[in-house]
Every structure is written in C-alpha cells, then in structure tokens.
Amino acid sequence: MTSPTVSGLGEAGILQVLHRRFRTVPAAQDWPEGSLGPGDDAAVVPAPDGRFVISTDAMAQDRDFRLVWPSGAVDSGYSTGWKAAAQNLSDINAMGARASSLLLALTMPGHTPVRWLDRFAAGIAGAVHHLGADTCRIAGGDLGGDDRITVCVTVTGDLDGRPAVRRTIPRDHQGGTGPLDLALCGKAGWAAAGLSVLQTPRTDLDRALDRTGIHRLAARAAAAQLRPRPILTAGPTAAEHGALAMLDVSDGLARDAARLAAANGLDVELDEDWVEQAAAGLAPLASALGEDAADWVRTGGEDYGLLAVFSGGAPLPPGFTRVGRLVAPGGTSQSLNPARARIGWDHFGG
C-alpha cells in the first residue's frame, strides 16, 4: 500500500497539515491587538520599539539536507524542519534579539509523502518550542511545486529597545589599547563530526563503530548536525553584558572569527589550548573515521554557537568561554589574517 502524497491533499490540505502542527508553538495564539497571523495575504507583525531584526536562510535538498544519507540515516522530515528554524533563530540571537515571528516558504514535488510534510512541520514547531523561542509566532508563508524540496525560513526579532550588536565594534570602542577577548557560547566541531558520520557509507561506518564501540558518541555527533541547538538566551545576555560584536558560528570557528576580525581591521588568534580541549571529546570518533578532531573544532560549521567580542579582561557572561583574541594586524606569528582564512564552509568554494 502506497503512502499518501501531498498531490492528493491539494494546497488547502497541505495548509491544514502545517497549521495543525504550528498551533502547538507557545506563542501561536498570542497575537497582540492590531497584529495579524496566518490567513490574510500578509501578516502584521508586532514591532514594539518601532524596529525589528530580520534574517532569512534557504535549504536545498541534496545540498543542505538529505532524505537518505550515505550512512543509512533517513530523515523523517523532523530534522529538516528543526534545522531550518534553528539556523534562522540563531541569526536573530546573534544580533542580541529575541525571535518574534517566523515565515516559511516551501516548495516540493507532488510525490512528497504527507507523513514527511507532517514531521517537517513538527520539526519547525519543535525547534521553536524546545530551543526556548517562546515569543516567536509562526506568521505564514508560501507553497510551491518543484522537482526537489527547497525550504526558506524568515525570522524577525525584537531588540527590546537595545541597539543591535553587529559584527563591527562600535566606533567609541575602536582603537583601544590591547587585544580584545573572543568568547564562544556553545559547542564547536560536533556538527562537523556528525556530518562525517552521516556521509560515511553504512558498511564502513558500521565496521568503524563496531570496532571501537563508540556508537553513542557517533549518534550524539549526528544529532548535532541534524538538530543543532543554539542557545537563544545567549545573544540578549551578551548584549546586556557589553558584547562589542557578535555573530553565530555557521561556517566554522576559524572562518567566522576571521570575519569578525576583518570587519574591524584586526587579526584573530585562536587559543590552541582551548581547541585541543574542545577536540578531546571528539578524538575517539575522529580516530575511528580517519579524521582530525581539532580540524573539526577549528573549521567545522553548523553548531550555531555564538561568537562574541568583549573588552580584554572583562568578565564574561554565564555560558561563554574565552577561545581567542582579536589583535592588531600582523601582531604575532600565531595570528590568522582574515584575507588568508580560506577555511570553513563557503557555498561557492571561495
């Protein structure tokens, strides 16, 4: 017996599946007077202080996610929905804001199983709920047909009256004496390790894990890739504690740290002692797969940790760990010049 597909539902039926899941998010019924949720041609989203932060990301099948991985892992739809929401919520967090609304554009073939669609919507709702985006309302979106699945999520956020925290350090803090501290809230390297697990052919993976007995470690790494967990309280907390600049680690710690440095005319020094400590927990998996755990930590993306710049020696907010410094260009032999930092993920290979 074949599974029902979205072509049998039609657009109205597809919307019913989505709305049934989206009604479970904490703020689903909390639309203030004067605002409008799904149902009209466009939503009216609250902007309490007259501004809102906005970010959008697209995910393409077989480029950014897979329905079936070489390892044999199968995506029910939940992980794709979770990750699509999480990466956008992370961008809002990196500006020091709280997510306020989410919009979804989804294209898919008519043969897409209804079960996949339902689990996909559950993944979006699950990420909003379990990651703590309790003020985020799902405001609507768009549907379309195509040969492959493409997901585009847009999220808006509220700054609660504060200035946004950008990649560039405010002018009144530029040109100070001494290095600036670079601090991370979250993990590094785990999603890259998970990608290696998922991309390893099943027979090779089974052989490596059976030989070493690290099945649980491999499962944790795969979960970090499929269902990242950005810490959404970190952005507003860092802003309140005087963060000078921030961005989320989506393309790799070294590359994103170099972007922060380049935005401010500086170089970056990563703390290699910290890198080795962070890599220690992944070392057994790296050894089993013939990889380098420290490389995962330095260059692996999609953990969506929050990277922030603080004044040198300033107390760090809870959850942040010092991972390096921003220094004057050419300061030491250990510094990483942003122009040479061709490490980490780039969609177009640059």
Protein backbone atom coordinates (compact mmCIF):
# COMPACT_ATOMS: atom_id res chain seq x y z
CA MET A 1 0.00 0.00 0.00
CA THR A 2 1.45 3.35 -1.07
CA SER A 3 1.71 6.25 1.37
CA PRO A 4 -0.49 9.32 0.74
CA THR A 5 1.32 12.16 -1.02
CA VAL A 6 0.83 15.92 -0.98
CA SER A 7 -0.58 15.86 -4.52
CA GLY A 8 -3.62 14.10 -3.07
CA LEU A 9 -4.14 16.84 -0.49
CA GLY A 10 -4.03 19.95 -2.63
CA GLU A 11 -2.92 23.30 -1.25
CA ALA A 12 -5.77 23.56 1.26
CA GLY A 13 -4.98 20.14 2.69
CA ILE A 14 -1.27 20.92 2.90
CA LEU A 15 -2.04 24.09 4.84
CA GLN A 16 -4.19 22.12 7.25
CA VAL A 17 -1.27 19.78 7.99
CA LEU A 18 1.08 22.72 8.58
CA HIS A 19 -1.33 24.76 10.69
CA ARG A 20 -2.18 21.79 12.89
CA ARG A 21 1.47 21.49 13.87
CA PHE A 22 2.16 25.21 14.06
CA ARG A 23 -0.68 25.77 16.50
CA THR A 24 1.43 23.94 19.11
CA VAL A 25 4.12 26.65 19.41
CA PRO A 26 3.93 28.63 22.68
CA ALA A 27 3.01 31.99 21.11
CA ALA A 28 0.63 30.62 18.45
CA GLN A 29 -2.45 32.27 19.94
CA ASP A 30 -0.64 35.32 21.32
CA TRP A 31 -1.14 37.92 18.61
CA PRO A 32 -1.39 41.41 20.17
CA GLU A 33 -4.21 43.74 19.19
CA GLY A 34 -3.54 45.27 15.79
CA SER A 35 -1.40 42.37 14.56
CA LEU A 36 -2.45 39.55 12.23
CA GLY A 37 -1.30 35.96 11.93
CA PRO A 38 -1.81 33.48 9.08
CA GLY A 39 -4.92 33.71 6.91
CA ASP A 40 -4.62 37.03 5.07
CA ASP A 41 -2.42 37.97 2.13
CA ALA A 42 0.25 39.14 4.57
CA ALA A 43 0.85 39.07 8.30
CA VAL A 44 1.04 42.13 10.53
CA VAL A 45 3.91 41.51 12.93
CA PRO A 46 4.38 43.43 16.20
CA ALA A 47 7.39 45.76 16.42
CA PRO A 48 7.19 47.15 19.97
CA ASP A 49 10.01 49.69 19.65
CA GLY A 50 9.39 50.55 16.00
CA ARG A 51 12.14 48.28 14.63
CA PHE A 52 12.61 44.59 14.03
CA VAL A 53 15.57 42.39 13.15
CA ILE A 54 15.07 40.11 10.14
CA SER A 55 17.01 37.16 8.70
CA THR A 56 16.36 34.54 6.05
CA ASP A 57 18.03 31.27 5.00
CA ALA A 58 17.32 28.73 2.29
CA MET A 59 17.95 24.97 2.36
CA ALA A 60 18.05 22.86 -0.81
CA GLN A 61 17.59 19.09 -0.95
CA ASP A 62 20.85 17.19 -1.56
CA ARG A 63 22.81 20.39 -0.99
CA ASP A 64 21.90 21.38 2.57
CA PHE A 65 19.99 18.30 3.68
CA ARG A 66 19.29 14.76 2.50
CA LEU A 67 16.29 12.50 2.75
CA VAL A 68 18.62 9.48 2.93
CA TRP A 69 22.28 9.78 3.97
CA PRO A 70 25.14 7.51 2.83
CA SER A 71 25.29 6.21 6.42
CA GLY A 72 21.76 4.89 6.02
CA ALA A 73 20.18 7.56 8.24
CA VAL A 74 16.73 8.54 6.95
CA ASP A 75 15.19 11.98 7.52
CA SER A 76 11.56 11.69 8.53
CA GLY A 77 11.19 15.43 7.87
CA TYR A 78 11.58 16.43 11.52
CA SER A 79 15.31 17.15 11.34
CA THR A 80 14.97 19.28 8.20
CA GLY A 81 12.23 21.36 9.80
CA TRP A 82 14.17 21.69 13.06
CA LYS A 83 17.36 22.82 11.34
CA ALA A 84 15.58 25.27 9.04
CA ALA A 85 14.10 27.01 12.08
CA ALA A 86 17.18 26.72 14.29
CA GLN A 87 19.63 28.36 11.89
CA ASN A 88 17.38 31.40 11.48
CA LEU A 89 16.65 31.67 15.20
CA SER A 90 20.43 31.62 15.68
CA ASP A 91 20.90 34.62 13.36
CA ILE A 92 18.37 36.64 15.35
CA ASN A 93 20.12 35.63 18.57
CA ALA A 94 23.45 36.83 17.15
CA MET A 95 22.07 40.37 16.84
CA GLY A 96 21.13 40.36 20.53
CA ALA A 97 17.41 39.99 19.77
CA ARG A 98 14.53 37.67 20.67
CA ALA A 99 12.66 35.95 17.83
CA SER A 100 9.16 37.38 17.30
CA SER A 101 7.83 35.74 14.11
CA LEU A 102 8.68 33.05 11.57
CA LEU A 103 7.61 32.70 7.94
CA LEU A 104 8.07 29.61 5.78
CA ALA A 105 8.34 29.21 2.00
CA LEU A 106 8.25 25.54 0.98
CA THR A 107 8.49 24.01 -2.49
CA MET A 108 8.27 20.25 -3.02
CA PRO A 109 7.34 17.58 -5.55
CA GLY A 110 3.80 16.26 -5.63
CA HIS A 111 5.08 12.80 -4.65
CA THR A 112 6.34 14.07 -1.27
CA PRO A 113 4.75 11.86 1.41
CA VAL A 114 2.20 13.55 3.66
CA ARG A 115 3.99 11.88 6.56
CA TRP A 116 7.21 13.74 5.65
CA LEU A 117 5.34 17.06 5.48
CA ASP A 118 3.74 16.46 8.88
CA ARG A 119 7.07 15.59 10.52
CA PHE A 120 8.73 18.57 8.83
CA ALA A 121 6.15 20.94 10.32
CA ALA A 122 6.54 19.20 13.69
CA GLY A 123 10.30 19.83 13.47
CA ILE A 124 9.82 23.56 12.96
CA ALA A 125 7.37 23.73 15.86
CA GLY A 126 9.66 21.53 17.97
CA ALA A 127 12.68 23.78 17.43
CA VAL A 128 10.72 26.92 18.31
CA HIS A 129 9.44 25.27 21.49
CA HIS A 130 12.44 23.27 22.69
CA LEU A 131 15.03 25.94 21.90
CA GLY A 132 13.07 28.39 24.02
CA ALA A 133 11.83 30.84 21.36
CA ASP A 134 8.66 31.32 23.38
CA THR A 135 7.88 34.74 21.86
CA CYS A 136 8.13 33.50 18.24
CA ARG A 137 4.84 33.32 16.32
CA ILE A 138 4.53 31.45 13.03
CA ALA A 139 3.12 34.14 10.77
CA GLY A 140 2.52 32.38 7.43
CA GLY A 141 4.43 31.78 4.23
CA ASP A 142 4.13 30.32 0.74
CA LEU A 143 3.82 26.95 -1.01
CA GLY A 144 5.06 25.85 -4.42
CA GLY A 145 5.79 22.80 -6.52
CA ASP A 146 9.23 21.74 -7.79
CA ASP A 147 11.27 18.65 -8.60
CA ARG A 148 13.12 18.82 -5.26
CA ILE A 149 12.35 20.13 -1.80
CA THR A 150 13.51 23.65 -1.02
CA VAL A 151 12.90 25.33 2.33
CA CYS A 152 13.23 29.05 3.01
CA VAL A 153 12.60 30.37 6.50
CA THR A 154 12.50 34.03 7.51
CA VAL A 155 12.54 35.09 11.16
CA THR A 156 12.02 38.52 12.70
CA GLY A 157 13.21 39.57 16.14
CA ASP A 158 12.71 42.20 18.82
CA LEU A 159 15.67 44.09 20.34
CA ASP A 160 13.74 45.15 23.46
CA GLY A 161 14.87 48.75 22.98
CA ARG A 162 18.60 47.93 22.79
CA PRO A 163 20.88 48.68 19.84
CA ALA A 164 21.64 45.69 17.65
CA VAL A 165 25.02 44.04 18.24
CA ARG A 166 26.81 43.96 14.89
CA ARG A 167 29.99 42.36 13.57
CA THR A 168 31.63 45.77 13.68
CA ILE A 169 32.71 47.16 17.04
CA PRO A 170 31.03 50.50 17.91
CA ARG A 171 33.18 53.47 16.95
CA ASP A 172 33.57 54.68 20.53
CA HIS A 173 35.23 51.34 21.42
CA GLN A 174 37.55 51.18 18.41
CA GLY A 175 41.24 51.95 18.65
CA GLY A 176 41.54 50.97 22.31
CA THR A 177 44.73 49.61 23.78
CA GLY A 178 45.42 45.90 23.92
CA PRO A 179 43.73 42.84 22.43
CA LEU A 180 40.03 42.07 22.66
CA ASP A 181 38.69 38.79 24.02
CA LEU A 182 36.91 36.38 21.69
CA ALA A 183 34.39 34.19 23.53
CA LEU A 184 32.10 31.34 22.48
CA CYS A 185 28.78 30.18 23.91
CA GLY A 186 28.02 26.69 22.65
CA LYS A 187 29.95 23.83 21.10
CA ALA A 188 32.35 23.69 18.17
CA GLY A 189 33.18 20.73 15.96
CA TRP A 190 30.26 18.49 16.87
CA ALA A 191 28.14 19.22 13.79
CA ALA A 192 31.17 18.69 11.54
CA ALA A 193 31.79 15.37 13.26
CA GLY A 194 28.15 14.49 12.71
CA LEU A 195 28.42 15.34 9.03
CA SER A 196 31.37 12.95 8.74
CA VAL A 197 29.30 10.24 10.42
CA LEU A 198 26.32 10.80 8.13
CA GLN A 199 28.43 10.89 4.97
CA THR A 200 30.33 7.68 5.75
CA PRO A 201 28.93 4.71 3.78
CA ARG A 202 26.92 2.44 6.03
CA THR A 203 29.14 -0.63 5.82
CA ASP A 204 32.26 1.42 6.56
CA LEU A 205 30.54 3.22 9.43
CA ASP A 206 29.23 0.00 10.98
CA ARG A 207 32.69 -1.53 10.78
CA ALA A 208 34.35 1.51 12.41
CA LEU A 209 31.80 1.78 15.21
CA ASP A 210 31.69 -1.96 15.92
CA ARG A 211 35.47 -1.99 16.18
CA THR A 212 35.60 0.95 18.64
CA GLY A 213 32.26 0.69 20.46
CA ILE A 214 31.52 4.41 20.18
CA HIS A 215 28.00 4.18 18.78
CA ARG A 216 26.59 6.66 21.32
CA LEU A 217 29.27 9.23 20.56
CA ALA A 218 28.54 8.91 16.83
CA ALA A 219 24.81 9.32 17.49
CA ARG A 220 25.43 12.48 19.55
CA ALA A 221 27.52 13.94 16.76
CA ALA A 222 24.91 13.12 14.11
CA ALA A 223 22.24 14.77 16.26
CA ALA A 224 24.38 17.92 16.48
CA GLN A 225 24.41 18.11 12.68
CA LEU A 226 20.75 17.26 12.12
CA ARG A 227 19.20 19.13 15.05
CA PRO A 228 21.52 21.95 16.18
CA ARG A 229 20.75 23.62 19.49
CA PRO A 230 21.73 27.31 19.51
CA ILE A 231 21.44 28.83 22.97
CA LEU A 232 18.88 31.55 22.29
CA THR A 233 19.30 33.33 25.62
CA ALA A 234 22.98 33.94 24.85
CA GLY A 235 22.52 36.85 22.44
CA PRO A 236 20.40 39.13 24.64
CA THR A 237 22.52 38.15 27.67
CA ALA A 238 25.77 39.01 25.88
CA ALA A 239 24.29 42.32 24.71
CA GLU A 240 23.34 43.18 28.29
CA HIS A 241 26.90 42.30 29.42
CA GLY A 242 28.54 44.67 26.97
CA ALA A 243 29.39 42.48 23.96
CA LEU A 244 31.08 44.70 21.39
CA ALA A 245 30.41 42.50 18.34
CA MET A 246 28.79 39.11 17.66
CA LEU A 247 27.98 36.54 15.01
CA ASP A 248 26.87 32.92 15.05
CA VAL A 249 29.24 30.15 14.04
CA SER A 250 27.58 28.73 10.94
CA ASP A 251 30.58 28.33 8.61
CA GLY A 252 33.33 27.28 11.02
CA LEU A 253 35.01 28.86 14.04
CA ALA A 254 38.17 29.98 12.23
CA ARG A 255 36.30 31.42 9.24
CA ASP A 256 33.68 33.21 11.33
CA ALA A 257 36.27 34.52 13.80
CA ALA A 258 38.23 35.83 10.81
CA ARG A 259 35.08 37.57 9.59
CA LEU A 260 34.75 39.32 12.93
CA ALA A 261 38.39 40.34 12.73
CA ALA A 262 38.11 41.57 9.13
CA ALA A 263 35.07 43.68 9.96
CA ASN A 264 37.25 45.56 12.44
CA GLY A 265 40.59 45.67 10.63
CA LEU A 266 42.16 43.14 13.00
CA ASP A 267 43.64 39.64 13.01
CA VAL A 268 42.46 36.76 15.17
CA GLU A 269 44.38 34.40 17.43
CA LEU A 270 42.60 31.21 18.38
CA ASP A 271 43.58 29.69 21.71
CA GLU A 272 45.11 26.38 20.62
CA ASP A 273 44.97 25.01 24.16
CA TRP A 274 41.20 25.55 24.11
CA VAL A 275 40.97 23.96 20.64
CA GLU A 276 42.72 20.82 21.90
CA GLN A 277 40.49 20.65 24.98
CA ALA A 278 37.36 21.05 22.85
CA ALA A 279 38.60 18.37 20.46
CA ALA A 280 39.32 15.82 23.20
CA GLY A 281 35.73 14.63 23.46
CA LEU A 282 35.59 14.01 19.71
CA ALA A 283 39.00 12.35 19.41
CA PRO A 284 37.76 8.72 19.58
CA LEU A 285 35.28 9.37 16.77
CA ALA A 286 37.85 11.21 14.67
CA SER A 287 40.28 8.33 15.08
CA ALA A 288 37.65 5.79 14.05
CA LEU A 289 36.78 7.76 10.91
CA GLY A 290 40.34 8.76 10.00
CA GLU A 291 39.68 12.45 10.67
CA ASP A 292 41.27 15.17 12.84
CA ALA A 293 39.11 16.29 15.78
CA ALA A 294 40.97 19.60 16.11
CA ASP A 295 40.18 20.37 12.46
CA TRP A 296 36.51 19.73 13.19
CA VAL A 297 36.68 22.27 16.03
CA ARG A 298 38.56 24.90 14.01
CA THR A 299 36.78 24.61 10.69
CA GLY A 300 33.51 22.76 11.24
CA GLY A 301 30.32 24.80 10.88
CA GLU A 302 26.65 24.50 11.78
CA ASP A 303 26.92 24.14 15.55
CA TYR A 304 25.45 27.66 15.70
CA GLY A 305 27.38 28.66 18.78
CA LEU A 306 27.53 32.38 19.48
CA LEU A 307 30.89 34.10 18.99
CA ALA A 308 31.24 37.43 20.78
CA VAL A 309 33.90 40.10 21.30
CA PHE A 310 34.42 41.62 24.75
CA SER A 311 36.87 44.16 26.12
CA GLY A 312 40.12 42.45 27.08
CA GLY A 313 39.95 41.02 30.60
CA ALA A 314 36.27 41.89 31.10
CA PRO A 315 34.12 39.33 32.98
CA LEU A 316 32.31 37.03 30.56
CA PRO A 317 28.57 36.30 30.77
CA PRO A 318 27.48 32.87 32.03
CA GLY A 319 27.98 30.17 29.41
CA PHE A 320 30.75 31.96 27.49
CA THR A 321 34.32 30.66 27.27
CA ARG A 322 37.33 32.59 26.05
CA VAL A 323 38.55 30.95 22.81
CA GLY A 324 40.96 33.56 21.45
CA ARG A 325 41.71 37.23 20.89
CA LEU A 326 41.41 39.92 18.24
CA VAL A 327 44.79 41.59 17.80
CA ALA A 328 46.45 44.27 15.68
CA PRO A 329 47.23 43.08 12.13
CA GLY A 330 50.42 41.02 11.92
CA GLY A 331 50.76 41.06 15.68
CA THR A 332 52.21 37.57 16.22
CA SER A 333 53.21 34.52 14.25
CA GLN A 334 50.07 32.79 15.59
CA SER A 335 47.62 35.36 14.26
CA LEU A 336 45.24 34.41 11.47
CA ASN A 337 44.93 37.09 8.80
CA PRO A 338 41.29 37.22 7.60
CA ALA A 339 42.44 37.54 3.98
CA ARG A 340 44.14 34.14 4.26
CA ALA A 341 41.35 32.43 6.22
CA ARG A 342 40.05 30.20 3.42
CA ILE A 343 38.96 27.58 5.92
CA GLY A 344 35.45 26.59 6.86
CA TRP A 345 32.33 26.40 4.71
CA ASP A 346 31.67 28.54 1.63
CA HIS A 347 28.64 27.77 -0.58
CA PHE A 348 30.60 28.75 -3.69
CA GLY A 349 34.01 27.39 -2.71
CA GLY A 350 35.81 30.69 -2.12
